PDB file of N, CA and C in Angstrom:
ATOM      1  N   UNK A   1    -239.713  92.391-136.669  1.00  0.00           N
ATOM      2  CA  UNK A   1    -239.916  91.490-137.796  1.00  0.00           C
ATOM      3  C   UNK A   1    -241.382  91.086-137.812  1.00  0.00           C
ATOM      4  N   UNK A   2    -242.026  91.167-138.954  1.00  0.00           N
ATOM      5  CA  UNK A   2    -243.439  90.807-139.027  1.00  0.00           C
ATOM      6  C   UNK A   2    -243.644  89.310-138.877  1.00  0.00           C
ATOM      7  N   UNK A   3    -244.889  88.950-138.574  1.00  0.00           N
ATOM      8  CA  UNK A   3    -245.259  87.548-138.460  1.00  0.00           C
ATOM      9  C   UNK A   3    -244.987  86.841-139.780  1.00  0.00           C
ATOM     10  N   UNK A   4    -244.462  85.644-139.701  1.00  0.00           N
ATOM     11  CA  UNK A   4    -244.171  84.846-140.883  1.00  0.00           C
ATOM     12  C   UNK A   4    -245.302  83.852-141.099  1.00  0.00           C
ATOM     13  N   UNK A   5    -246.043  84.004-142.193  1.00  0.00           N
ATOM     14  CA  UNK A   5    -247.114  83.059-142.513  1.00  0.00           C
ATOM     15  C   UNK A   5    -246.497  81.782-143.056  1.00  0.00           C
ATOM     16  N   UNK A   6    -246.930  80.654-142.529  1.00  0.00           N
ATOM     17  CA  UNK A   6    -246.411  79.367-142.972  1.00  0.00           C
ATOM     18  C   UNK A   6    -247.542  78.420-143.307  1.00  0.00           C
ATOM     19  N   UNK A   7    -247.295  77.558-144.265  1.00  0.00           N
ATOM     20  CA  UNK A   7    -248.225  76.496-144.595  1.00  0.00           C
ATOM     21  C   UNK A   7    -247.448  75.282-145.058  1.00  0.00           C
ATOM     22  N   UNK A   8    -247.915  74.095-144.711  1.00  0.00           N
ATOM     23  CA  UNK A   8    -247.275  72.849-145.118  1.00  0.00           C
ATOM     24  C   UNK A   8    -248.353  71.920-145.646  1.00  0.00           C
ATOM     25  N   UNK A   9    -248.201  71.509-146.892  1.00  0.00           N
ATOM     26  CA  UNK A   9    -249.156  70.602-147.517  1.00  0.00           C
ATOM     27  C   UNK A   9    -248.427  69.376-148.043  1.00  0.00           C
ATOM     28  N   UNK A  10    -249.013  68.205-147.811  1.00  0.00           N
ATOM     29  CA  UNK A  10    -248.506  66.973-148.403  1.00  0.00           C
ATOM     30  C   UNK A  10    -249.241  66.804-149.727  1.00  0.00           C
ATOM     31  N   UNK A  11    -248.481  66.823-150.824  1.00  0.00           N
ATOM     32  CA  UNK A  11    -249.054  66.707-152.163  1.00  0.00           C
ATOM     33  C   UNK A  11    -248.399  65.512-152.855  1.00  0.00           C
ATOM     34  N   UNK A  12    -248.931  65.056-153.985  1.00  0.00           N
ATOM     35  CA  UNK A  12    -248.338  63.892-154.646  1.00  0.00           C
ATOM     36  C   UNK A  12    -246.846  64.043-154.970  1.00  0.00           C
ATOM     37  N   UNK A  13    -246.388  65.257-155.253  1.00  0.00           N
ATOM     38  CA  UNK A  13    -244.983  65.475-155.607  1.00  0.00           C
ATOM     39  C   UNK A  13    -244.057  65.530-154.396  1.00  0.00           C
ATOM     40  N   UNK A  14    -244.598  65.638-153.189  1.00  0.00           N
ATOM     41  CA  UNK A  14    -243.771  65.739-151.979  1.00  0.00           C
ATOM     42  C   UNK A  14    -244.461  66.589-150.930  1.00  0.00           C
ATOM     43  N   UNK A  15    -243.671  67.374-150.195  1.00  0.00           N
ATOM     44  CA  UNK A  15    -244.200  68.278-149.182  1.00  0.00           C
ATOM     45  C   UNK A  15    -243.903  69.705-149.616  1.00  0.00           C
ATOM     46  N   UNK A  16    -244.937  70.524-149.640  1.00  0.00           N
ATOM     47  CA  UNK A  16    -244.795  71.901-150.093  1.00  0.00           C
ATOM     48  C   UNK A  16    -244.945  72.861-148.925  1.00  0.00           C
ATOM     49  N   UNK A  17    -243.918  73.673-148.721  1.00  0.00           N
ATOM     50  CA  UNK A  17    -243.943  74.695-147.679  1.00  0.00           C
ATOM     51  C   UNK A  17    -244.177  76.043-148.335  1.00  0.00           C
ATOM     52  N   UNK A  18    -245.142  76.776-147.828  1.00  0.00           N
ATOM     53  CA  UNK A  18    -245.420  78.123-148.315  1.00  0.00           C
ATOM     54  C   UNK A  18    -245.169  79.091-147.171  1.00  0.00           C
ATOM     55  N   UNK A  19    -244.501  80.181-147.477  1.00  0.00           N
ATOM     56  CA  UNK A  19    -244.229  81.186-146.452  1.00  0.00           C
ATOM     57  C   UNK A  19    -244.111  82.542-147.115  1.00  0.00           C
ATOM     58  N   UNK A  20    -244.460  83.568-146.362  1.00  0.00           N
ATOM     59  CA  UNK A  20    -244.349  84.938-146.841  1.00  0.00           C
ATOM     60  C   UNK A  20    -243.211  85.598-146.078  1.00  0.00           C
ATOM     61  N   UNK A  21    -242.336  86.245-146.803  1.00  0.00           N
ATOM     62  CA  UNK A  21    -241.224  86.930-146.161  1.00  0.00           C
ATOM     63  C   UNK A  21    -240.906  88.186-146.957  1.00  0.00           C
ATOM     64  N   UNK A  22    -240.209  89.090-146.333  1.00  0.00           N
ATOM     65  CA  UNK A  22    -239.781  90.318-146.984  1.00  0.00           C
ATOM     66  C   UNK A  22    -238.596  89.987-147.895  1.00  0.00           C
ATOM     67  N   UNK A  23    -238.445  90.656-149.037  1.00  0.00           N
ATOM     68  CA  UNK A  23    -237.335  90.342-149.945  1.00  0.00           C
ATOM     69  C   UNK A  23    -235.944  90.457-149.315  1.00  0.00           C
ATOM     70  N   UNK A  24    -235.783  91.286-148.295  1.00  0.00           N
ATOM     71  CA  UNK A  24    -234.474  91.441-147.655  1.00  0.00           C
ATOM     72  C   UNK A  24    -234.163  90.318-146.669  1.00  0.00           C
ATOM     73  N   UNK A  25    -235.133  89.469-146.396  1.00  0.00           N
ATOM     74  CA  UNK A  25    -234.935  88.378-145.444  1.00  0.00           C
ATOM     75  C   UNK A  25    -234.423  87.140-146.161  1.00  0.00           C
ATOM     76  N   UNK A  26    -233.675  86.327-145.417  1.00  0.00           N
ATOM     77  CA  UNK A  26    -233.121  85.093-145.949  1.00  0.00           C
ATOM     78  C   UNK A  26    -233.759  83.918-145.224  1.00  0.00           C
ATOM     79  N   UNK A  27    -234.364  83.004-145.965  1.00  0.00           N
ATOM     80  CA  UNK A  27    -235.022  81.845-145.359  1.00  0.00           C
ATOM     81  C   UNK A  27    -234.178  80.593-145.588  1.00  0.00           C
ATOM     82  N   UNK A  28    -233.891  79.893-144.511  1.00  0.00           N
ATOM     83  CA  UNK A  28    -233.194  78.611-144.563  1.00  0.00           C
ATOM     84  C   UNK A  28    -234.167  77.563-144.033  1.00  0.00           C
ATOM     85  N   UNK A  29    -234.217  76.417-144.689  1.00  0.00           N
ATOM     86  CA  UNK A  29    -235.157  75.373-144.295  1.00  0.00           C
ATOM     87  C   UNK A  29    -234.390  74.139-143.846  1.00  0.00           C
ATOM     88  N   UNK A  30    -234.776  73.643-142.679  1.00  0.00           N
ATOM     89  CA  UNK A  30    -234.178  72.437-142.105  1.00  0.00           C
ATOM     90  C   UNK A  30    -235.268  71.381-141.988  1.00  0.00           C
ATOM     91  N   UNK A  31    -234.866  70.106-142.090  1.00  0.00           N
ATOM     92  CA  UNK A  31    -235.829  69.007-142.001  1.00  0.00           C
ATOM     93  C   UNK A  31    -235.308  67.953-141.028  1.00  0.00           C
ATOM     94  N   UNK A  32    -236.256  67.378-140.273  1.00  0.00           N
ATOM     95  CA  UNK A  32    -235.950  66.263-139.365  1.00  0.00           C
ATOM     96  C   UNK A  32    -236.997  65.186-139.613  1.00  0.00           C
ATOM     97  N   UNK A  33    -236.547  63.951-139.784  1.00  0.00           N
ATOM     98  CA  UNK A  33    -237.437  62.824-140.055  1.00  0.00           C
ATOM     99  C   UNK A  33    -237.435  61.894-138.857  1.00  0.00           C
ATOM    100  N   UNK A  34    -238.618  61.469-138.426  1.00  0.00           N
ATOM    101  CA  UNK A  34    -238.714  60.485-137.357  1.00  0.00           C
ATOM    102  C   UNK A  34    -238.829  61.048-135.959  1.00  0.00           C
ATOM    103  N   UNK A  35    -239.059  62.322-135.810  1.00  0.00           N
ATOM    104  CA  UNK A  35    -239.247  62.895-134.475  1.00  0.00           C
ATOM    105  C   UNK A  35    -237.960  63.358-133.823  1.00  0.00           C
ATOM    106  N   UNK A  36    -238.020  63.542-132.511  1.00  0.00           N
ATOM    107  CA  UNK A  36    -236.914  64.146-131.763  1.00  0.00           C
ATOM    108  C   UNK A  36    -235.607  63.370-131.826  1.00  0.00           C
ATOM    109  N   UNK A  37    -235.672  62.090-132.102  1.00  0.00           N
ATOM    110  CA  UNK A  37    -234.448  61.290-132.166  1.00  0.00           C
ATOM    111  C   UNK A  37    -233.644  61.579-133.433  1.00  0.00           C
ATOM    112  N   UNK A  38    -234.292  62.111-134.452  1.00  0.00           N
ATOM    113  CA  UNK A  38    -233.613  62.365-135.721  1.00  0.00           C
ATOM    114  C   UNK A  38    -232.860  63.682-135.714  1.00  0.00           C
ATOM    115  N   UNK A  39    -231.758  63.751-136.468  1.00  0.00           N
ATOM    116  CA  UNK A  39    -230.996  65.006-136.560  1.00  0.00           C
ATOM    117  C   UNK A  39    -231.642  65.974-137.554  1.00  0.00           C
ATOM    118  N   UNK A  40    -231.378  67.257-137.377  1.00  0.00           N
ATOM    119  CA  UNK A  40    -231.834  68.274-138.316  1.00  0.00           C
ATOM    120  C   UNK A  40    -230.840  68.354-139.470  1.00  0.00           C
ATOM    121  N   UNK A  41    -231.358  68.470-140.700  1.00  0.00           N
ATOM    122  CA  UNK A  41    -230.529  68.638-141.890  1.00  0.00           C
ATOM    123  C   UNK A  41    -231.023  69.860-142.651  1.00  0.00           C
ATOM    124  N   UNK A  42    -230.082  70.704-143.086  1.00  0.00           N
ATOM    125  CA  UNK A  42    -230.484  71.861-143.889  1.00  0.00           C
ATOM    126  C   UNK A  42    -230.786  71.374-145.300  1.00  0.00           C
ATOM    127  N   UNK A  43    -231.982  71.663-145.786  1.00  0.00           N
ATOM    128  CA  UNK A  43    -232.394  71.214-147.115  1.00  0.00           C
ATOM    129  C   UNK A  43    -232.504  72.365-148.113  1.00  0.00           C
ATOM    130  N   UNK A  44    -232.462  73.616-147.636  1.00  0.00           N
ATOM    131  CA  UNK A  44    -232.534  74.759-148.549  1.00  0.00           C
ATOM    132  C   UNK A  44    -231.889  75.985-147.922  1.00  0.00           C
ATOM    133  N   UNK A  45    -231.148  76.720-148.749  1.00  0.00           N
ATOM    134  CA  UNK A  45    -230.515  77.975-148.349  1.00  0.00           C
ATOM    135  C   UNK A  45    -231.093  79.073-149.234  1.00  0.00           C
ATOM    136  N   UNK A  46    -231.445  80.202-148.643  1.00  0.00           N
ATOM    137  CA  UNK A  46    -232.071  81.310-149.372  1.00  0.00           C
ATOM    138  C   UNK A  46    -233.287  80.806-150.153  1.00  0.00           C
ATOM    139  N   UNK A  47    -234.135  80.080-149.480  1.00  0.00           N
ATOM    140  CA  UNK A  47    -235.292  79.441-150.110  1.00  0.00           C
ATOM    141  C   UNK A  47    -236.336  80.462-150.535  1.00  0.00           C
ATOM    142  N   UNK A  48    -237.029  80.112-151.586  1.00  0.00           N
ATOM    143  CA  UNK A  48    -238.160  80.902-152.061  1.00  0.00           C
ATOM    144  C   UNK A  48    -239.435  80.120-151.804  1.00  0.00           C
ATOM    145  N   UNK A  49    -240.518  80.853-151.707  1.00  0.00           N
ATOM    146  CA  UNK A  49    -241.815  80.229-151.474  1.00  0.00           C
ATOM    147  C   UNK A  49    -242.573  80.123-152.793  1.00  0.00           C
ATOM    148  N   UNK A  50    -243.235  79.021-153.046  1.00  0.00           N
ATOM    149  CA  UNK A  50    -243.289  77.827-152.204  1.00  0.00           C
ATOM    150  C   UNK A  50    -242.054  76.951-152.414  1.00  0.00           C
ATOM    151  N   UNK A  51    -241.642  76.272-151.366  1.00  0.00           N
ATOM    152  CA  UNK A  51    -240.520  75.340-151.437  1.00  0.00           C
ATOM    153  C   UNK A  51    -241.092  73.927-151.505  1.00  0.00           C
ATOM    154  N   UNK A  52    -240.631  73.143-152.465  1.00  0.00           N
ATOM    155  CA  UNK A  52    -241.116  71.777-152.627  1.00  0.00           C
ATOM    156  C   UNK A  52    -240.009  70.797-152.261  1.00  0.00           C
ATOM    157  N   UNK A  53    -240.250  69.999-151.237  1.00  0.00           N
ATOM    158  CA  UNK A  53    -239.325  68.940-150.832  1.00  0.00           C
ATOM    159  C   UNK A  53    -239.777  67.668-151.537  1.00  0.00           C
ATOM    160  N   UNK A  54    -239.010  67.251-152.532  1.00  0.00           N
ATOM    161  CA  UNK A  54    -239.382  66.101-153.350  1.00  0.00           C
ATOM    162  C   UNK A  54    -238.722  64.803-152.904  1.00  0.00           C
ATOM    163  N   UNK A  55    -237.946  64.833-151.826  1.00  0.00           N
ATOM    164  CA  UNK A  55    -237.327  63.599-151.343  1.00  0.00           C
ATOM    165  C   UNK A  55    -238.416  62.586-151.011  1.00  0.00           C
ATOM    166  N   UNK A  56    -238.195  61.347-151.407  1.00  0.00           N
ATOM    167  CA  UNK A  56    -239.183  60.294-151.187  1.00  0.00           C
ATOM    168  C   UNK A  56    -239.097  59.807-149.744  1.00  0.00           C
ATOM    169  N   UNK A  57    -240.226  59.825-149.047  1.00  0.00           N
ATOM    170  CA  UNK A  57    -240.331  59.311-147.686  1.00  0.00           C
ATOM    171  C   UNK A  57    -241.416  58.245-147.671  1.00  0.00           C
ATOM    172  N   UNK A  58    -241.228  57.241-146.845  1.00  0.00           N
ATOM    173  CA  UNK A  58    -242.214  56.160-146.745  1.00  0.00           C
ATOM    174  C   UNK A  58    -243.543  56.706-146.218  1.00  0.00           C
ATOM    175  N   UNK A  59    -244.659  56.156-146.692  1.00  0.00           N
ATOM    176  CA  UNK A  59    -245.961  56.579-146.158  1.00  0.00           C
ATOM    177  C   UNK A  59    -246.006  56.398-144.641  1.00  0.00           C
ATOM    178  N   UNK A  60    -246.597  57.363-143.960  1.00  0.00           N
ATOM    179  CA  UNK A  60    -246.692  57.312-142.506  1.00  0.00           C
ATOM    180  C   UNK A  60    -245.490  57.884-141.778  1.00  0.00           C
ATOM    181  N   UNK A  61    -244.512  58.413-142.517  1.00  0.00           N
ATOM    182  CA  UNK A  61    -243.318  58.995-141.904  1.00  0.00           C
ATOM    183  C   UNK A  61    -243.646  60.361-141.308  1.00  0.00           C
ATOM    184  N   UNK A  62    -243.210  60.584-140.061  1.00  0.00           N
ATOM    185  CA  UNK A  62    -243.382  61.881-139.409  1.00  0.00           C
ATOM    186  C   UNK A  62    -242.197  62.760-139.792  1.00  0.00           C
ATOM    187  N   UNK A  63    -242.478  63.930-140.335  1.00  0.00           N
ATOM    188  CA  UNK A  63    -241.426  64.837-140.778  1.00  0.00           C
ATOM    189  C   UNK A  63    -241.696  66.232-140.217  1.00  0.00           C
ATOM    190  N   UNK A  64    -240.618  66.913-139.811  1.00  0.00           N
ATOM    191  CA  UNK A  64    -240.722  68.274-139.279  1.00  0.00           C
ATOM    192  C   UNK A  64    -239.849  69.199-140.109  1.00  0.00           C
ATOM    193  N   UNK A  65    -240.309  70.425-140.266  1.00  0.00           N
ATOM    194  CA  UNK A  65    -239.542  71.456-140.956  1.00  0.00           C
ATOM    195  C   UNK A  65    -239.376  72.638-140.020  1.00  0.00           C
ATOM    196  N   UNK A  66    -238.190  73.195-140.058  1.00  0.00           N
ATOM    197  CA  UNK A  66    -237.829  74.350-139.253  1.00  0.00           C
ATOM    198  C   UNK A  66    -237.451  75.442-140.244  1.00  0.00           C
ATOM    199  N   UNK A  67    -238.240  76.502-140.317  1.00  0.00           N
ATOM    200  CA  UNK A  67    -237.972  77.609-141.229  1.00  0.00           C
ATOM    201  C   UNK A  67    -237.324  78.725-140.425  1.00  0.00           C
ATOM    202  N   UNK A  68    -236.107  79.058-140.788  1.00  0.00           N
ATOM    203  CA  UNK A  68    -235.302  80.040-140.064  1.00  0.00           C
ATOM    204  C   UNK A  68    -235.119  81.256-140.972  1.00  0.00           C
ATOM    205  N   UNK A  69    -235.588  82.406-140.516  1.00  0.00           N
ATOM    206  CA  UNK A  69    -235.521  83.625-141.318  1.00  0.00           C
ATOM    207  C   UNK A  69    -234.641  84.645-140.617  1.00  0.00           C
ATOM    208  N   UNK A  70    -233.726  85.242-141.379  1.00  0.00           N
ATOM    209  CA  UNK A  70    -232.855  86.288-140.852  1.00  0.00           C
ATOM    210  C   UNK A  70    -233.109  87.573-141.629  1.00  0.00           C
ATOM    211  N   UNK A  71    -233.044  88.693-140.931  1.00  0.00           N
ATOM    212  CA  UNK A  71    -233.210  89.991-141.580  1.00  0.00           C
ATOM    213  C   UNK A  71    -232.253  90.979-140.946  1.00  0.00           C
ATOM    214  N   UNK A  72    -231.657  91.831-141.760  1.00  0.00           N
ATOM    215  CA  UNK A  72    -230.799  92.888-141.246  1.00  0.00           C
ATOM    216  C   UNK A  72    -231.680  94.055-140.831  1.00  0.00           C
ATOM    217  N   UNK A  73    -231.595  94.416-139.566  1.00  0.00           N
ATOM    218  CA  UNK A  73    -232.383  95.537-139.052  1.00  0.00           C
ATOM    219  C   UNK A  73    -231.723  96.852-139.453  1.00  0.00           C
ATOM    220  N   UNK A  74    -232.455  97.937-139.287  1.00  0.00           N
ATOM    221  CA  UNK A  74    -231.945  99.256-139.674  1.00  0.00           C
ATOM    222  C   UNK A  74    -230.672  99.627-138.937  1.00  0.00           C
ATOM    223  N   UNK A  75    -230.547  99.232-137.690  1.00  0.00           N
ATOM    224  CA  UNK A  75    -229.391  99.614-136.879  1.00  0.00           C
ATOM    225  C   UNK A  75    -228.204  98.677-137.094  1.00  0.00           C
ATOM    226  N   UNK A  76    -228.290  97.791-138.079  1.00  0.00           N
ATOM    227  CA  UNK A  76    -227.188  96.882-138.345  1.00  0.00           C
ATOM    228  C   UNK A  76    -227.214  95.625-137.498  1.00  0.00           C
ATOM    229  N   UNK A  77    -228.263  95.455-136.709  1.00  0.00           N
ATOM    230  CA  UNK A  77    -228.380  94.247-135.901  1.00  0.00           C
ATOM    231  C   UNK A  77    -229.128  93.190-136.697  1.00  0.00           C
ATOM    232  N   UNK A  78    -228.975  91.958-136.291  1.00  0.00           N
ATOM    233  CA  UNK A  78    -229.608  90.844-136.982  1.00  0.00           C
ATOM    234  C   UNK A  78    -230.837  90.396-136.215  1.00  0.00           C
ATOM    235  N   UNK A  79    -231.967  90.317-136.888  1.00  0.00           N
ATOM    236  CA  UNK A  79    -233.192  89.806-136.284  1.00  0.00           C
ATOM    237  C   UNK A  79    -233.418  88.399-136.808  1.00  0.00           C
ATOM    238  N   UNK A  80    -233.861  87.513-135.924  1.00  0.00           N
ATOM    239  CA  UNK A  80    -234.068  86.122-136.297  1.00  0.00           C
ATOM    240  C   UNK A  80    -235.483  85.708-135.925  1.00  0.00           C
ATOM    241  N   UNK A  81    -236.115  84.949-136.792  1.00  0.00           N
ATOM    242  CA  UNK A  81    -237.461  84.450-136.564  1.00  0.00           C
ATOM    243  C   UNK A  81    -237.484  83.000-137.034  1.00  0.00           C
ATOM    244  N   UNK A  82    -237.958  82.093-136.195  1.00  0.00           N
ATOM    245  CA  UNK A  82    -237.967  80.680-136.554  1.00  0.00           C
ATOM    246  C   UNK A  82    -239.342  80.075-136.304  1.00  0.00           C
ATOM    247  N   UNK A  83    -239.699  79.110-137.131  1.00  0.00           N
ATOM    248  CA  UNK A  83    -241.000  78.458-137.021  1.00  0.00           C
ATOM    249  C   UNK A  83    -240.850  76.973-137.282  1.00  0.00           C
ATOM    250  N   UNK A  84    -241.664  76.174-136.614  1.00  0.00           N
ATOM    251  CA  UNK A  84    -241.626  74.722-136.738  1.00  0.00           C
ATOM    252  C   UNK A  84    -242.957  74.220-137.285  1.00  0.00           C
ATOM    253  N   UNK A  85    -242.895  73.352-138.297  1.00  0.00           N
ATOM    254  CA  UNK A  85    -244.075  72.736-138.897  1.00  0.00           C
ATOM    255  C   UNK A  85    -243.872  71.233-138.934  1.00  0.00           C
ATOM    256  N   UNK A  86    -244.952  70.468-138.865  1.00  0.00           N
ATOM    257  CA  UNK A  86    -244.811  69.012-138.947  1.00  0.00           C
ATOM    258  C   UNK A  86    -245.979  68.413-139.717  1.00  0.00           C
ATOM    259  N   UNK A  87    -245.728  67.222-140.270  1.00  0.00           N
ATOM    260  CA  UNK A  87    -246.756  66.507-141.023  1.00  0.00           C
ATOM    261  C   UNK A  87    -246.408  65.029-141.035  1.00  0.00           C
ATOM    262  N   UNK A  88    -247.390  64.217-141.322  1.00  0.00           N
ATOM    263  CA  UNK A  88    -247.175  62.788-141.529  1.00  0.00           C
ATOM    264  C   UNK A  88    -247.470  62.497-142.991  1.00  0.00           C
ATOM    265  N   UNK A  89    -246.513  61.831-143.662  1.00  0.00           N
ATOM    266  CA  UNK A  89    -246.674  61.564-145.094  1.00  0.00           C
ATOM    267  C   UNK A  89    -247.669  60.456-145.340  1.00  0.00           C
TER     268      UNK A  89
END
């Protein structure tokens, strides 16, 4: 599986995640607010880039995103690639 390019920008409309993936891959996005004590929640299934998270968070909130990509390999096996991004709003 090729390297997955990721970018996370805090913009006025929310947090924008940009990623490059192959069309056969499926990207799922999870979010955790408040650091390690917070639970992970899936916020997007079969996401497209760029993904815009418009949920309102208080200024200064620490938020993490986990981008999970799955791809079917030629031999019928499943390849998985995951990446973690974080930002403060």
